Amino acid sequence: MVGNGDQSGIEGWCDFFLYTFTAEDSHRYGSPNCEVAGKLGALMGAYHLLSINGGMGKLISGIGGAPGAKALVIGAGIVGEAATEVLTALGAQVTVMDINTWNLKTIEA
């Protein structure tokens, strides 16, 4: 996300947003295309949004008529699809980005 090791462009974003990263090879029991990685990444992001965990105090599902948190999933492959599935089920407002338009057409968000 940061080109040429230059972190100055991203430091301001980190003050306002929570980022969680997960990769297809991050689960020790899974294959390189493991949907568990996507689901756990989404759950860990929701966990770290809570103020008791040092987050911004946002409830991913919203409450009492308030909208759910906004989530951006980059990549609509197996991991991205699994993350989107969990975030949508929790009530987040999910946006999915991918360069492959076929993946975007098949994912349910």
N, C-alpha and C. Protein backbone atom coordinates (compact mmCIF):
# COMPACT_ATOMS: atom_id res chain seq x y z
N MET A 1 0.81 -1.20 0.00
CA MET A 1 0.00 0.00 0.00
C MET A 1 0.85 1.26 0.00
N VAL A 2 2.09 1.17 0.42
CA VAL A 2 2.96 2.33 0.45
C VAL A 2 4.07 2.11 -0.56
N GLY A 3 4.14 2.96 -1.56
CA GLY A 3 5.15 2.80 -2.61
C GLY A 3 6.51 3.30 -2.17
N ASN A 4 7.54 2.61 -2.56
CA ASN A 4 8.94 2.98 -2.32
C ASN A 4 9.27 3.20 -0.84
N GLY A 5 8.56 2.58 0.04
CA GLY A 5 8.84 2.69 1.47
C GLY A 5 8.49 4.04 2.07
N ASP A 6 7.80 4.90 1.34
CA ASP A 6 7.43 6.23 1.82
C ASP A 6 6.15 6.14 2.62
N GLN A 7 6.24 6.33 3.93
CA GLN A 7 5.08 6.19 4.80
C GLN A 7 4.35 7.51 5.03
N SER A 8 4.87 8.62 4.54
CA SER A 8 4.26 9.91 4.84
C SER A 8 2.85 10.03 4.28
N GLY A 9 2.56 9.40 3.17
CA GLY A 9 1.24 9.51 2.57
C GLY A 9 0.16 8.75 3.30
N ILE A 10 0.54 7.81 4.13
CA ILE A 10 -0.46 6.96 4.79
C ILE A 10 -0.63 7.27 6.27
N GLU A 11 0.28 8.03 6.85
CA GLU A 11 0.22 8.30 8.29
C GLU A 11 -1.07 9.01 8.71
N GLY A 12 -1.54 9.96 7.91
CA GLY A 12 -2.78 10.66 8.24
C GLY A 12 -3.99 9.75 8.22
N TRP A 13 -4.01 8.79 7.30
CA TRP A 13 -5.13 7.85 7.22
C TRP A 13 -5.20 6.97 8.45
N CYS A 14 -4.08 6.61 9.00
CA CYS A 14 -4.05 5.71 10.15
C CYS A 14 -4.66 6.35 11.39
N ASP A 15 -4.75 7.67 11.43
CA ASP A 15 -5.37 8.33 12.58
C ASP A 15 -6.89 8.18 12.58
N PHE A 16 -7.48 7.91 11.43
CA PHE A 16 -8.93 7.90 11.32
C PHE A 16 -9.53 6.54 10.99
N PHE A 17 -8.73 5.61 10.56
CA PHE A 17 -9.26 4.34 10.11
C PHE A 17 -8.57 3.18 10.79
N LEU A 18 -9.25 2.08 10.82
CA LEU A 18 -8.67 0.83 11.32
C LEU A 18 -8.39 -0.06 10.13
N TYR A 19 -7.19 -0.58 10.08
CA TYR A 19 -6.82 -1.47 8.99
C TYR A 19 -6.54 -2.85 9.55
N THR A 20 -7.08 -3.85 8.95
CA THR A 20 -6.69 -5.22 9.25
C THR A 20 -6.32 -5.87 7.93
N PHE A 21 -5.27 -6.63 7.97
CA PHE A 21 -4.80 -7.29 6.77
C PHE A 21 -4.85 -8.79 6.98
N THR A 22 -5.24 -9.47 5.98
CA THR A 22 -5.21 -10.92 6.01
C THR A 22 -4.78 -11.38 4.62
N ALA A 23 -4.14 -12.49 4.57
CA ALA A 23 -3.64 -13.00 3.29
C ALA A 23 -4.08 -14.44 3.12
N GLU A 24 -4.01 -14.89 1.91
CA GLU A 24 -4.48 -16.24 1.62
C GLU A 24 -3.63 -17.31 2.28
N ASP A 25 -2.45 -16.98 2.72
CA ASP A 25 -1.56 -17.99 3.28
C ASP A 25 -1.35 -17.77 4.79
N SER A 26 -2.30 -17.11 5.47
CA SER A 26 -2.07 -16.74 6.86
C SER A 26 -2.60 -17.74 7.88
N HIS A 27 -3.33 -18.73 7.47
CA HIS A 27 -3.86 -19.70 8.42
C HIS A 27 -3.04 -20.98 8.35
N ARG A 28 -2.52 -21.42 9.47
CA ARG A 28 -1.58 -22.53 9.45
C ARG A 28 -2.18 -23.87 9.04
N TYR A 29 -3.49 -24.02 9.13
CA TYR A 29 -4.11 -25.28 8.75
C TYR A 29 -4.73 -25.24 7.35
N GLY A 30 -4.65 -24.09 6.69
CA GLY A 30 -5.37 -23.94 5.44
C GLY A 30 -4.49 -24.06 4.22
N SER A 31 -5.15 -24.06 3.09
CA SER A 31 -4.47 -24.05 1.82
C SER A 31 -4.12 -22.61 1.47
N PRO A 32 -3.37 -22.38 0.39
CA PRO A 32 -3.08 -20.99 0.00
C PRO A 32 -4.33 -20.17 -0.27
N ASN A 33 -5.44 -20.80 -0.59
CA ASN A 33 -6.70 -20.09 -0.82
C ASN A 33 -7.68 -20.38 0.32
N CYS A 34 -7.36 -19.93 1.48
CA CYS A 34 -8.11 -20.31 2.67
C CYS A 34 -9.15 -19.25 3.04
N GLU A 35 -10.41 -19.64 3.04
CA GLU A 35 -11.44 -18.67 3.41
C GLU A 35 -11.43 -18.38 4.91
N VAL A 36 -10.79 -19.24 5.69
CA VAL A 36 -10.68 -18.99 7.13
C VAL A 36 -9.92 -17.70 7.38
N ALA A 37 -8.90 -17.42 6.57
CA ALA A 37 -8.11 -16.20 6.74
C ALA A 37 -8.99 -14.97 6.57
N GLY A 38 -9.86 -14.97 5.58
CA GLY A 38 -10.75 -13.84 5.36
C GLY A 38 -11.75 -13.66 6.49
N LYS A 39 -12.31 -14.76 6.95
CA LYS A 39 -13.28 -14.67 8.04
C LYS A 39 -12.63 -14.19 9.33
N LEU A 40 -11.45 -14.70 9.64
CA LEU A 40 -10.76 -14.27 10.85
C LEU A 40 -10.30 -12.82 10.76
N GLY A 41 -9.88 -12.40 9.57
CA GLY A 41 -9.49 -11.00 9.38
C GLY A 41 -10.64 -10.05 9.65
N ALA A 42 -11.82 -10.40 9.16
CA ALA A 42 -13.00 -9.57 9.40
C ALA A 42 -13.36 -9.54 10.88
N LEU A 43 -13.31 -10.69 11.52
CA LEU A 43 -13.64 -10.75 12.95
C LEU A 43 -12.62 -9.98 13.79
N MET A 44 -11.35 -10.06 13.44
CA MET A 44 -10.33 -9.33 14.19
C MET A 44 -10.49 -7.82 13.99
N GLY A 45 -10.88 -7.41 12.80
CA GLY A 45 -11.15 -5.99 12.57
C GLY A 45 -12.30 -5.50 13.43
N ALA A 46 -13.38 -6.28 13.50
CA ALA A 46 -14.52 -5.92 14.34
C ALA A 46 -14.12 -5.85 15.80
N TYR A 47 -13.30 -6.78 16.23
CA TYR A 47 -12.82 -6.84 17.61
C TYR A 47 -12.02 -5.59 17.96
N HIS A 48 -11.14 -5.17 17.07
CA HIS A 48 -10.26 -4.03 17.35
C HIS A 48 -10.94 -2.68 17.17
N LEU A 49 -12.15 -2.65 16.66
CA LEU A 49 -12.90 -1.39 16.60
C LEU A 49 -13.46 -0.99 17.97
N LEU A 50 -13.65 -1.95 18.84
CA LEU A 50 -14.24 -1.68 20.15
C LEU A 50 -13.28 -0.86 21.03
N SER A 51 -13.83 0.10 21.76
CA SER A 51 -13.00 0.97 22.59
C SER A 51 -12.28 0.21 23.70
N ILE A 52 -12.87 -0.87 24.18
CA ILE A 52 -12.21 -1.64 25.24
C ILE A 52 -10.96 -2.35 24.72
N ASN A 53 -10.81 -2.39 23.40
CA ASN A 53 -9.63 -2.99 22.79
C ASN A 53 -8.72 -1.93 22.18
N GLY A 54 -8.92 -0.68 22.56
CA GLY A 54 -8.09 0.41 22.06
C GLY A 54 -8.57 0.98 20.74
N GLY A 55 -9.75 0.59 20.29
CA GLY A 55 -10.28 1.07 19.02
C GLY A 55 -11.04 2.37 19.16
N MET A 56 -11.73 2.73 18.10
CA MET A 56 -12.45 4.00 18.03
C MET A 56 -13.82 3.94 18.68
N GLY A 57 -14.20 2.80 19.23
CA GLY A 57 -15.49 2.67 19.90
C GLY A 57 -16.65 2.50 18.96
N LYS A 58 -16.40 1.92 17.80
CA LYS A 58 -17.48 1.70 16.83
C LYS A 58 -17.93 0.26 16.89
N LEU A 59 -19.24 0.09 16.86
CA LEU A 59 -19.83 -1.23 16.80
C LEU A 59 -20.09 -1.53 15.33
N ILE A 60 -19.52 -2.59 14.82
CA ILE A 60 -19.58 -2.85 13.39
C ILE A 60 -21.00 -3.02 12.89
N SER A 61 -21.90 -3.49 13.73
CA SER A 61 -23.27 -3.72 13.30
C SER A 61 -24.16 -2.50 13.44
N GLY A 62 -23.71 -1.48 14.13
CA GLY A 62 -24.58 -0.35 14.43
C GLY A 62 -25.58 -0.76 15.50
N ILE A 63 -26.31 0.19 16.03
CA ILE A 63 -27.29 -0.13 17.06
C ILE A 63 -28.31 1.01 17.15
N GLY A 64 -29.54 0.66 17.46
CA GLY A 64 -30.57 1.67 17.68
C GLY A 64 -30.83 2.59 16.50
N GLY A 65 -30.82 2.05 15.31
CA GLY A 65 -31.07 2.86 14.12
C GLY A 65 -29.82 3.48 13.52
N ALA A 66 -28.70 3.42 14.23
CA ALA A 66 -27.44 3.94 13.69
C ALA A 66 -26.90 2.95 12.66
N PRO A 67 -26.34 3.45 11.57
CA PRO A 67 -25.82 2.54 10.55
C PRO A 67 -24.58 1.78 11.04
N GLY A 68 -24.33 0.65 10.41
CA GLY A 68 -23.15 -0.12 10.74
C GLY A 68 -21.89 0.59 10.25
N ALA A 69 -20.76 0.11 10.72
CA ALA A 69 -19.48 0.68 10.31
C ALA A 69 -19.25 0.44 8.83
N LYS A 70 -18.47 1.30 8.21
CA LYS A 70 -18.11 1.12 6.81
C LYS A 70 -16.86 0.26 6.72
N ALA A 71 -16.87 -0.70 5.82
CA ALA A 71 -15.73 -1.59 5.64
C ALA A 71 -15.36 -1.64 4.17
N LEU A 72 -14.07 -1.64 3.91
CA LEU A 72 -13.56 -1.76 2.55
C LEU A 72 -12.78 -3.05 2.46
N VAL A 73 -13.16 -3.91 1.53
CA VAL A 73 -12.44 -5.16 1.29
C VAL A 73 -11.74 -5.01 -0.05
N ILE A 74 -10.43 -5.13 -0.03
CA ILE A 74 -9.65 -5.01 -1.26
C ILE A 74 -9.30 -6.41 -1.73
N GLY A 75 -9.87 -6.78 -2.84
CA GLY A 75 -9.67 -8.11 -3.40
C GLY A 75 -10.91 -8.95 -3.20
N ALA A 76 -11.45 -9.47 -4.29
CA ALA A 76 -12.69 -10.24 -4.23
C ALA A 76 -12.45 -11.71 -4.53
N GLY A 77 -11.28 -12.20 -4.16
CA GLY A 77 -10.98 -13.61 -4.32
C GLY A 77 -11.61 -14.40 -3.18
N ILE A 78 -11.05 -15.54 -2.90
CA ILE A 78 -11.61 -16.41 -1.85
C ILE A 78 -11.54 -15.74 -0.49
N VAL A 79 -10.42 -15.12 -0.17
CA VAL A 79 -10.28 -14.45 1.13
C VAL A 79 -11.19 -13.24 1.21
N GLY A 80 -11.21 -12.40 0.18
CA GLY A 80 -12.07 -11.23 0.17
C GLY A 80 -13.55 -11.57 0.24
N GLU A 81 -13.93 -12.62 -0.46
CA GLU A 81 -15.32 -13.06 -0.42
C GLU A 81 -15.72 -13.53 0.97
N ALA A 82 -14.82 -14.25 1.63
CA ALA A 82 -15.11 -14.72 2.99
C ALA A 82 -15.20 -13.55 3.97
N ALA A 83 -14.32 -12.57 3.82
CA ALA A 83 -14.37 -11.38 4.69
C ALA A 83 -15.66 -10.61 4.45
N THR A 84 -16.05 -10.47 3.20
CA THR A 84 -17.29 -9.77 2.86
C THR A 84 -18.51 -10.48 3.45
N GLU A 85 -18.49 -11.79 3.39
CA GLU A 85 -19.60 -12.58 3.93
C GLU A 85 -19.78 -12.32 5.43
N VAL A 86 -18.69 -12.31 6.16
CA VAL A 86 -18.76 -12.10 7.62
C VAL A 86 -19.16 -10.66 7.92
N LEU A 87 -18.54 -9.69 7.25
CA LEU A 87 -18.85 -8.29 7.52
C LEU A 87 -20.31 -7.95 7.20
N THR A 88 -20.81 -8.50 6.11
CA THR A 88 -22.21 -8.28 5.74
C THR A 88 -23.14 -8.91 6.78
N ALA A 89 -22.80 -10.11 7.21
CA ALA A 89 -23.62 -10.79 8.22
C ALA A 89 -23.64 -10.02 9.53
N LEU A 90 -22.55 -9.34 9.85
CA LEU A 90 -22.48 -8.55 11.08
C LEU A 90 -23.19 -7.20 10.97
N GLY A 91 -23.54 -6.80 9.74
CA GLY A 91 -24.28 -5.55 9.56
C GLY A 91 -23.44 -4.37 9.11
N ALA A 92 -22.22 -4.61 8.68
CA ALA A 92 -21.37 -3.52 8.19
C ALA A 92 -21.81 -3.08 6.80
N GLN A 93 -21.48 -1.86 6.45
CA GLN A 93 -21.70 -1.35 5.09
C GLN A 93 -20.42 -1.67 4.31
N VAL A 94 -20.46 -2.68 3.47
CA VAL A 94 -19.27 -3.22 2.84
C VAL A 94 -19.11 -2.71 1.41
N THR A 95 -17.90 -2.28 1.07
CA THR A 95 -17.51 -1.95 -0.29
C THR A 95 -16.38 -2.90 -0.67
N VAL A 96 -16.49 -3.51 -1.84
CA VAL A 96 -15.48 -4.46 -2.31
C VAL A 96 -14.81 -3.88 -3.55
N MET A 97 -13.48 -3.95 -3.60
CA MET A 97 -12.72 -3.48 -4.75
C MET A 97 -11.86 -4.62 -5.28
N ASP A 98 -11.82 -4.74 -6.59
CA ASP A 98 -10.97 -5.74 -7.24
C ASP A 98 -10.76 -5.30 -8.68
N ILE A 99 -9.64 -5.70 -9.27
CA ILE A 99 -9.39 -5.36 -10.67
C ILE A 99 -10.06 -6.36 -11.59
N ASN A 100 -10.49 -7.49 -11.06
CA ASN A 100 -11.15 -8.52 -11.84
C ASN A 100 -12.66 -8.32 -11.76
N THR A 101 -13.25 -7.87 -12.86
CA THR A 101 -14.68 -7.57 -12.83
C THR A 101 -15.54 -8.81 -12.67
N TRP A 102 -15.04 -9.96 -13.09
CA TRP A 102 -15.80 -11.20 -12.89
C TRP A 102 -15.97 -11.49 -11.39
N ASN A 103 -14.89 -11.31 -10.62
CA ASN A 103 -14.98 -11.53 -9.18
C ASN A 103 -15.99 -10.57 -8.56
N LEU A 104 -16.00 -9.33 -9.02
CA LEU A 104 -16.94 -8.35 -8.47
C LEU A 104 -18.39 -8.70 -8.80
N LYS A 105 -18.61 -9.28 -9.96
CA LYS A 105 -19.98 -9.65 -10.35
C LYS A 105 -20.50 -10.84 -9.55
N THR A 106 -19.59 -11.71 -9.13
CA THR A 106 -20.03 -12.93 -8.46
C THR A 106 -20.11 -12.78 -6.94
N ILE A 107 -19.47 -11.78 -6.38
CA ILE A 107 -19.48 -11.63 -4.92
C ILE A 107 -20.78 -10.97 -4.48
N GLU A 108 -21.28 -11.38 -3.34
CA GLU A 108 -22.51 -10.81 -2.78
C GLU A 108 -22.15 -9.88 -1.64
N ALA A 109 -22.43 -8.61 -1.81
CA ALA A 109 -22.13 -7.63 -0.77
C ALA A 109 -23.36 -6.82 -0.46
